[in-house]
């Protein structure tokens, strides 16, 4: 089984899906259970001891010498709806294959590979329960959050055979840990554009979101002249372009307005109200904070000129998370030994690694994905690139033993 091509193994576990189109695998579901069975076999075939902790994280462990520190690998088993075959689950499989390649060699440290249950946040309005529990940051109140069917996190876990009351005991901050390394498809086009198989992540971008409300004046679309309108949607369109322009003119800044609601949303009525969410990301918190003020100030001025009432409230903020310099350096050397010449780049997406950074030093290895496409059935990573990542992880562990 473990001698199969990586692509074949990922195709096989992709069958653990609620949907036939792409992969839909939500935490604590029947499909999750099927995937756990396959991952357990991967781990056991490599000689790892396997157990599932109270948060639903499946853990395969290779014991090192007594009292030795632990090197952590991992990613998530869950997917978005109709997602791809590589996002998350590839980062569970590749370190297992790297350990298989190392074989009977004795490492001076223990190694733990983890398949986290819930990174995507699709089923419940929360995510990262597993890594947060390990880092001592688990918030018990999320157990009361419910999915669209009214099932709480707590009850879903109990139905999965877990005891959520034990989650707070998973804190391993007092355990000697070398660090956490996550292998993941890039989910962006940079490596593909540069024709490179691997990249070393320097930081995971910080994020902030703002709820914006615009109030103008509805009116008859046929009888109200253009000069007399207070069109909330036309104002929203201008604000979208403001965010786009500032982000285009600023290095290491991404701004997106991906959600807009318009009222009354009728074909013959001038929109009187509009609401939207502005999201800003940057791997440099200073850049994000300064430019969010610039964008919002320009938006407020533009709305005022149109006689539109403008309100803006920040609803979410997450600081940028830098990757550990030492682990990054060793990863880059490990890839360079394979003559892969990896570039360094930031991650605009959040990963399990962001929560694990509260526990220990962390690093990320990106694998090229075709045209940067992700979260769709068309998501694709080459067999040779994934194998290069396995070889890099093998060399990484060999270098850490020195």
Protein backbone atom coordinates (compact mmCIF):
# COMPACT_ATOMS: atom_id res chain seq x y z
CA UNK A 1 0.00 0.00 0.00
CA UNK A 2 2.71 2.49 1.00
CA UNK A 3 4.64 1.73 -2.21
CA UNK A 4 1.89 3.22 -4.34
CA UNK A 5 2.41 6.59 -6.06
CA UNK A 6 1.53 9.52 -3.82
CA UNK A 7 -1.16 10.62 -6.27
CA UNK A 8 -2.81 7.20 -6.09
CA UNK A 9 -2.88 7.32 -2.29
CA UNK A 10 -4.45 10.77 -2.32
CA UNK A 11 -6.98 9.65 -4.94
CA UNK A 12 -7.87 6.75 -2.69
CA UNK A 13 -8.53 8.83 0.41
CA UNK A 14 -10.41 11.39 -1.71
CA UNK A 15 -13.14 8.74 -1.95
CA UNK A 16 -13.89 9.51 1.70
CA UNK A 17 -16.19 12.28 0.58
CA UNK A 18 -19.79 13.32 1.11
CA UNK A 19 -19.98 14.48 -2.50
CA UNK A 20 -19.05 12.85 -5.80
CA UNK A 21 -17.78 16.17 -7.19
CA UNK A 22 -14.47 17.02 -5.56
CA UNK A 23 -13.90 16.27 -1.87
CA UNK A 24 -16.36 17.19 0.87
CA UNK A 25 -15.08 15.85 4.18
CA UNK A 26 -16.27 17.61 7.30
CA UNK A 27 -15.03 17.05 10.85
CA UNK A 28 -16.62 14.34 13.01
CA UNK A 29 -18.56 12.95 10.06
CA UNK A 30 -18.81 9.46 8.62
CA UNK A 31 -16.38 10.54 5.89
CA UNK A 32 -13.95 11.72 8.57
CA UNK A 33 -14.14 8.27 10.15
CA UNK A 34 -13.42 6.58 6.81
CA UNK A 35 -10.42 8.88 6.32
CA UNK A 36 -9.16 8.11 9.83
CA UNK A 37 -9.18 4.41 9.00
CA UNK A 38 -7.01 4.99 5.91
CA UNK A 39 -4.60 7.37 7.67
CA UNK A 40 -4.29 4.90 10.54
CA UNK A 41 -3.21 2.26 8.05
CA UNK A 42 -0.63 4.65 6.54
CA UNK A 43 0.78 5.30 9.99
CA UNK A 44 0.82 1.70 11.16
CA UNK A 45 2.40 0.50 7.90
CA UNK A 46 5.25 2.92 8.66
CA UNK A 47 5.70 1.55 12.17
CA UNK A 48 4.09 4.42 14.06
CA UNK A 49 2.02 3.94 17.18
CA UNK A 50 -1.39 5.49 16.60
CA UNK A 51 -4.05 7.05 18.77
CA UNK A 52 -6.71 9.77 18.55
CA UNK A 53 -6.77 12.51 21.15
CA UNK A 54 -9.86 14.11 22.68
CA UNK A 55 -10.01 16.87 20.04
CA UNK A 56 -10.16 14.37 17.18
CA UNK A 57 -6.54 14.73 16.14
CA UNK A 58 -5.16 11.43 14.84
CA UNK A 59 -1.56 11.05 16.01
CA UNK A 60 1.11 8.70 14.71
CA UNK A 61 4.26 8.64 16.82
CA UNK A 62 7.77 7.29 16.35
CA UNK A 63 9.46 7.11 19.75
CA UNK A 64 13.01 8.32 20.05
CA UNK A 65 15.42 7.88 22.97
CA UNK A 66 14.10 8.34 26.49
CA UNK A 67 13.42 11.98 27.39
CA UNK A 68 14.18 13.12 23.83
CA UNK A 69 12.37 16.15 22.37
CA UNK A 70 9.70 15.72 19.72
CA UNK A 71 9.58 16.98 16.15
CA UNK A 72 5.99 17.61 15.06
CA UNK A 73 4.56 17.32 11.55
CA UNK A 74 0.95 17.66 10.49
CA UNK A 75 -1.92 19.26 8.63
CA UNK A 76 -5.69 18.82 8.42
CA UNK A 77 -7.84 15.98 7.12
CA UNK A 78 -10.99 18.05 6.47
CA UNK A 79 -11.90 19.91 3.31
CA UNK A 80 -14.13 22.67 2.04
CA UNK A 81 -17.26 21.61 0.17
CA UNK A 82 -16.36 20.28 -3.29
CA UNK A 83 -12.69 20.91 -2.57
CA UNK A 84 -9.54 19.32 -3.94
CA UNK A 85 -7.58 16.16 -3.18
CA UNK A 86 -4.41 17.85 -1.91
CA UNK A 87 -5.30 20.67 0.48
CA UNK A 88 -4.46 19.55 4.02
CA UNK A 89 -4.37 15.79 3.57
CA UNK A 90 -1.19 15.93 1.47
CA UNK A 91 0.57 17.45 4.49
CA UNK A 92 -0.47 14.44 6.56
CA UNK A 93 0.74 11.86 4.05
CA UNK A 94 4.11 13.31 2.99
CA UNK A 95 5.83 13.27 6.42
CA UNK A 96 4.60 9.70 6.91
CA UNK A 97 6.28 8.78 3.61
CA UNK A 98 9.41 10.64 4.72
CA UNK A 99 9.54 8.51 7.87
CA UNK A 100 9.07 5.41 5.76
CA UNK A 101 12.10 6.47 3.68
CA UNK A 102 14.18 6.95 6.81
CA UNK A 103 13.26 3.40 7.71
CA UNK A 104 15.27 1.80 10.49
CA UNK A 105 17.65 4.72 10.96
CA UNK A 106 17.69 5.88 14.56
CA UNK A 107 16.75 9.50 15.09
CA UNK A 108 17.90 11.33 18.24
CA UNK A 109 14.38 12.69 18.74
CA UNK A 110 10.78 11.46 18.62
CA UNK A 111 8.59 12.28 15.63
CA UNK A 112 4.85 12.85 15.71
CA UNK A 113 2.61 13.19 12.64
CA UNK A 114 -0.83 14.70 13.26
CA UNK A 115 -4.01 14.74 11.19
CA UNK A 116 -6.06 17.60 12.63
CA UNK A 117 -9.84 17.32 12.42
CA UNK A 118 -11.05 20.82 11.65
CA UNK A 119 -8.98 23.50 9.94
CA UNK A 120 -11.42 24.73 7.29
CA UNK A 121 -14.22 25.93 9.58
CA UNK A 122 -16.89 24.76 7.13
CA UNK A 123 -19.15 22.67 9.35
CA UNK A 124 -18.94 24.84 12.47
CA UNK A 125 -18.24 28.58 12.92
CA UNK A 126 -14.91 27.72 14.51
CA UNK A 127 -11.74 25.87 13.56
CA UNK A 128 -8.28 24.78 14.73
CA UNK A 129 -9.57 23.05 17.86
CA UNK A 130 -6.79 20.43 17.74
CA UNK A 131 -3.74 22.70 17.51
CA UNK A 132 -5.24 25.21 19.92
CA UNK A 133 -5.76 22.45 22.46
CA UNK A 134 -2.10 21.41 22.18
CA UNK A 135 -1.02 25.03 22.59
CA UNK A 136 -3.20 25.56 25.67
CA UNK A 137 -5.45 28.06 23.87
CA UNK A 138 -8.64 26.06 23.56
CA UNK A 139 -11.81 28.00 24.37
CA UNK A 140 -14.43 25.68 25.91
CA UNK A 141 -17.28 27.91 24.70
CA UNK A 142 -16.80 26.74 21.10
CA UNK A 143 -18.20 23.36 22.13
CA UNK A 144 -21.62 25.03 22.11
CA UNK A 145 -21.33 26.24 18.51
CA UNK A 146 -23.74 24.46 16.16
CA UNK A 147 -23.74 23.41 12.52
CA UNK A 148 -26.59 24.08 10.06
CA UNK A 149 -28.43 21.01 11.35
CA UNK A 150 -28.34 22.25 14.94
CA UNK A 151 -25.70 19.75 16.07
CA UNK A 152 -23.25 21.26 18.55
CA UNK A 153 -19.50 20.70 18.42
CA UNK A 154 -19.79 18.88 21.73
CA UNK A 155 -22.44 16.46 20.50
CA UNK A 156 -20.66 15.89 17.19
CA UNK A 157 -17.51 14.96 19.11
CA UNK A 158 -19.38 12.65 21.46
CA UNK A 159 -21.01 10.99 18.44
CA UNK A 160 -17.51 10.50 17.03
CA UNK A 161 -16.47 8.65 20.17
CA UNK A 162 -14.59 11.53 21.79
CA UNK A 163 -14.78 13.05 25.27
CA UNK A 164 -14.67 16.85 24.78
CA UNK A 165 -14.30 17.38 28.53
CA UNK A 166 -10.77 16.02 28.20
CA UNK A 167 -9.66 18.57 25.58
CA UNK A 168 -8.17 20.97 28.12
CA UNK A 169 -5.84 18.19 29.30
CA UNK A 170 -4.15 18.06 25.86
CA UNK A 171 -1.93 21.09 26.58
CA UNK A 172 1.70 20.06 25.87
CA UNK A 173 3.43 23.39 26.45
CA UNK A 174 5.64 21.83 29.11
CA UNK A 175 6.82 19.07 26.76
CA UNK A 176 10.23 19.43 25.05
CA UNK A 177 9.43 20.14 21.38
CA UNK A 178 11.83 20.89 18.53
CA UNK A 179 9.17 22.53 16.42
CA UNK A 180 6.24 22.00 14.08
CA UNK A 181 6.57 21.72 10.29
CA UNK A 182 3.59 21.75 7.97
CA UNK A 183 3.76 20.77 4.31
CA UNK A 184 0.99 22.29 2.20
CA UNK A 185 0.13 23.14 -1.37
CA UNK A 186 0.81 26.82 -1.96
CA UNK A 187 -2.80 27.62 -2.94
CA UNK A 188 -1.38 30.47 -4.99
CA UNK A 189 0.37 30.90 -8.37
CA UNK A 190 3.88 32.05 -7.40
CA UNK A 191 5.69 28.70 -7.49
CA UNK A 192 3.86 27.70 -10.67
CA UNK A 193 4.72 31.00 -12.34
CA UNK A 194 8.39 30.55 -11.45
CA UNK A 195 8.37 26.85 -12.37
CA UNK A 196 9.59 25.79 -8.91
CA UNK A 197 8.41 22.69 -7.04
CA UNK A 198 8.93 23.95 -3.49
CA UNK A 199 8.92 27.16 -1.48
CA UNK A 200 9.88 28.07 2.09
CA UNK A 201 7.28 30.13 3.94
CA UNK A 202 8.55 33.18 5.82
CA UNK A 203 5.31 34.15 7.56
CA UNK A 204 1.57 33.57 7.64
CA UNK A 205 -0.28 36.78 6.86
CA UNK A 206 -2.22 38.73 9.44
CA UNK A 207 -5.89 39.34 8.70
CA UNK A 208 -8.47 41.91 9.63
CA UNK A 209 -12.09 42.23 8.53
CA UNK A 210 -14.42 45.22 8.62
CA UNK A 211 -18.21 45.28 8.30
CA UNK A 212 -19.21 48.30 6.23
CA UNK A 213 -22.77 49.66 6.08
CA UNK A 214 -23.89 52.21 3.49
CA UNK A 215 -27.19 54.08 3.64
CA UNK A 216 -28.40 56.18 0.77
CA UNK A 217 -31.89 56.74 -0.58
CA UNK A 218 -34.08 54.36 -2.56
CA UNK A 219 -36.05 55.71 -5.46
CA UNK A 220 -37.71 54.85 -8.73
CA UNK A 221 -35.03 53.76 -11.19
CA UNK A 222 -36.89 55.26 -14.15
CA UNK A 223 -37.87 58.64 -12.80
CA UNK A 224 -34.98 59.70 -10.57
CA UNK A 225 -32.35 61.59 -12.60
CA UNK A 226 -28.71 60.57 -12.22
CA UNK A 227 -27.66 63.82 -10.55
CA UNK A 228 -30.28 63.40 -7.81
CA UNK A 229 -29.39 59.86 -6.74
CA UNK A 230 -27.95 58.59 -3.46
CA UNK A 231 -27.21 55.13 -4.81
CA UNK A 232 -25.69 52.95 -2.08
CA UNK A 233 -24.57 50.27 -4.51
CA UNK A 234 -22.84 52.72 -6.85
CA UNK A 235 -21.02 53.98 -3.77
CA UNK A 236 -20.10 50.41 -2.83
CA UNK A 237 -18.64 49.88 -6.30
CA UNK A 238 -16.41 52.93 -5.85
CA UNK A 239 -15.26 51.68 -2.45
CA UNK A 240 -14.30 48.31 -3.93
CA UNK A 241 -12.06 50.10 -6.40
CA UNK A 242 -10.47 52.16 -3.60
CA UNK A 243 -9.47 48.97 -1.79
CA UNK A 244 -8.15 47.46 -5.01
CA UNK A 245 -6.10 50.55 -5.87
CA UNK A 246 -4.45 50.90 -2.47
CA UNK A 247 -3.59 47.19 -2.39
CA UNK A 248 -2.16 47.33 -5.92
CA UNK A 249 -0.01 50.31 -4.96
CA UNK A 250 1.31 48.75 -1.72
CA UNK A 251 3.88 45.99 -1.42
CA UNK A 252 2.79 42.90 0.55
CA UNK A 253 -0.85 43.94 0.90
CA UNK A 254 -4.02 42.16 -0.21
CA UNK A 255 -7.47 43.72 0.05
CA UNK A 256 -10.70 41.97 -0.88
CA UNK A 257 -14.39 42.75 -0.78
CA UNK A 258 -15.95 39.39 -1.54
CA UNK A 259 -19.33 39.78 0.10
CA UNK A 260 -21.89 42.48 -0.73
CA UNK A 261 -25.61 42.69 0.07
CA UNK A 262 -27.85 45.25 -1.60
CA UNK A 263 -31.33 46.42 -0.57
CA UNK A 264 -34.00 46.40 -1.84
CA UNK A 265 -32.27 44.42 -4.62
CA UNK A 266 -34.99 45.09 -7.18
CA UNK A 267 -34.51 45.64 -10.88
CA UNK A 268 -36.36 48.98 -10.98
CA UNK A 269 -35.36 50.46 -7.61
CA UNK A 270 -32.23 52.50 -6.81
CA UNK A 271 -30.38 50.66 -4.04
CA UNK A 272 -30.90 52.51 -0.78
CA UNK A 273 -28.65 50.33 1.37
CA UNK A 274 -25.60 48.19 0.87
CA UNK A 275 -23.43 46.19 3.27
CA UNK A 276 -20.09 44.55 2.59
CA UNK A 277 -17.09 43.02 4.26
CA UNK A 278 -13.60 44.42 3.68
CA UNK A 279 -10.78 41.95 4.32
CA UNK A 280 -7.14 43.05 4.46
CA UNK A 281 -4.13 40.71 4.71
CA UNK A 282 -0.40 41.22 5.03
CA UNK A 283 2.54 39.31 6.45
CA UNK A 284 3.68 42.63 7.97
CA UNK A 285 1.29 43.84 10.65
CA UNK A 286 2.48 47.46 10.35
CA UNK A 287 1.62 47.43 6.63
CA UNK A 288 -1.82 45.95 7.30
CA UNK A 289 -2.68 48.37 10.12
CA UNK A 290 -1.47 51.51 8.33
CA UNK A 291 -3.16 50.71 5.04
CA UNK A 292 -6.45 49.63 6.57
CA UNK A 293 -6.70 53.18 7.96
CA UNK A 294 -5.83 54.65 4.57
CA UNK A 295 -8.44 52.53 2.79
CA UNK A 296 -11.20 53.21 5.30
CA UNK A 297 -10.49 56.95 5.42
CA UNK A 298 -10.66 57.16 1.62
CA UNK A 299 -13.87 55.12 1.64
CA UNK A 300 -15.44 57.44 4.19
CA UNK A 301 -14.53 60.52 2.09
CA UNK A 302 -15.91 58.93 -1.09
CA UNK A 303 -19.19 58.05 0.62
CA UNK A 304 -19.51 61.58 2.02
CA UNK A 305 -19.14 63.09 -1.45
CA UNK A 306 -22.06 60.93 -2.57
CA UNK A 307 -24.17 61.89 0.50
CA UNK A 308 -24.10 58.30 1.67
CA UNK A 309 -23.99 57.47 5.39
CA UNK A 310 -20.92 55.32 6.08
CA UNK A 311 -20.27 53.13 9.12
CA UNK A 312 -17.40 50.70 9.54
CA UNK A 313 -16.72 48.28 12.39
CA UNK A 314 -13.78 45.90 12.69
CA UNK A 315 -15.14 42.40 13.32
CA UNK A 316 -11.99 40.26 13.25
CA UNK A 317 -8.25 40.61 13.60
CA UNK A 318 -5.41 38.08 13.58
CA UNK A 319 -1.78 39.08 13.80
CA UNK A 320 0.80 37.85 11.30
CA UNK A 321 2.78 34.81 12.39
CA UNK A 322 6.48 34.65 11.42
CA UNK A 323 8.03 31.27 10.73
CA UNK A 324 11.00 30.24 12.85
CA UNK A 325 14.28 31.35 11.29
CA UNK A 326 16.24 28.26 12.30
CA UNK A 327 13.67 25.78 10.99
CA UNK A 328 13.31 27.83 7.81
CA UNK A 329 17.06 27.78 7.31
CA UNK A 330 17.30 24.01 7.77
CA UNK A 331 14.36 23.45 5.42
CA UNK A 332 15.95 25.64 2.77
CA UNK A 333 19.30 23.84 3.08
CA UNK A 334 17.49 20.49 2.87
CA UNK A 335 15.77 21.54 -0.34
CA UNK A 336 18.95 23.06 -1.77
CA UNK A 337 20.81 19.76 -1.24
CA UNK A 338 18.20 18.27 -3.58
CA UNK A 339 19.19 21.04 -6.08
CA UNK A 340 15.69 22.48 -5.94
CA UNK A 341 16.66 26.14 -5.28
CA UNK A 342 13.47 27.02 -3.34
CA UNK A 343 12.28 30.59 -3.01
CA UNK A 344 10.97 32.20 0.16
CA UNK A 345 7.39 33.48 0.14
CA UNK A 346 4.59 34.41 2.50
CA UNK A 347 1.35 32.53 3.06
CA UNK A 348 -1.77 34.59 2.53
CA UNK A 349 -3.92 31.75 3.89
CA UNK A 350 -4.20 30.68 7.51
CA UNK A 351 -3.06 27.16 8.41
CA UNK A 352 -2.86 24.85 11.42
CA UNK A 353 0.69 26.19 11.73
CA UNK A 354 -0.62 29.60 12.81
CA UNK A 355 -2.21 28.07 15.93
CA UNK A 356 0.78 25.77 16.51
CA UNK A 357 3.05 28.82 16.67
CA UNK A 358 1.63 29.48 20.14
CA UNK A 359 3.09 26.13 21.20
CA UNK A 360 6.51 25.96 19.58
CA UNK A 361 8.70 27.20 16.69
CA UNK A 362 6.99 26.45 13.39
CA UNK A 363 7.85 26.37 9.71
CA UNK A 364 6.02 25.60 6.47
CA UNK A 365 7.05 23.94 3.22
CA UNK A 366 4.95 24.88 0.20
CA UNK A 367 4.43 22.54 -2.77
CA UNK A 368 3.56 23.97 -6.17
CA UNK A 369 -0.06 23.56 -7.24
CA UNK A 370 -1.20 23.93 -10.84
CA UNK A 371 -1.98 27.60 -11.65
CA UNK A 372 -2.42 28.23 -7.94
CA UNK A 373 -5.89 26.69 -8.05
CA UNK A 374 -7.22 25.38 -4.73
CA UNK A 375 -10.49 24.70 -2.90
CA UNK A 376 -11.93 23.24 -6.12
CA UNK A 377 -11.92 19.77 -7.71
CA UNK A 378 -9.36 21.11 -10.22
CA UNK A 379 -6.73 21.47 -7.49
CA UNK A 380 -3.60 19.55 -8.56
CA UNK A 381 -0.02 18.91 -7.43
CA UNK A 382 2.51 16.97 -9.48
CA UNK A 383 3.76 13.59 -8.34
CA UNK A 384 7.37 14.72 -8.82
CA UNK A 385 6.83 17.84 -6.72
CA UNK A 386 5.30 15.87 -3.87
CA UNK A 387 8.15 13.38 -4.02
CA UNK A 388 10.60 16.29 -3.91
CA UNK A 389 8.86 17.47 -0.74
CA UNK A 390 9.21 13.98 0.79
CA UNK A 391 12.94 13.99 -0.02
CA UNK A 392 13.25 17.47 1.47
CA UNK A 393 11.61 16.31 4.72
CA UNK A 394 13.92 13.30 4.88
CA UNK A 395 16.98 15.53 4.50
CA UNK A 396 15.48 18.00 6.99
CA UNK A 397 15.26 15.29 9.66
CA UNK A 398 18.75 14.06 8.84
CA UNK A 399 20.11 17.59 9.25
CA UNK A 400 18.35 18.03 12.60
CA UNK A 401 20.10 14.95 13.95
CA UNK A 402 23.49 16.63 13.49
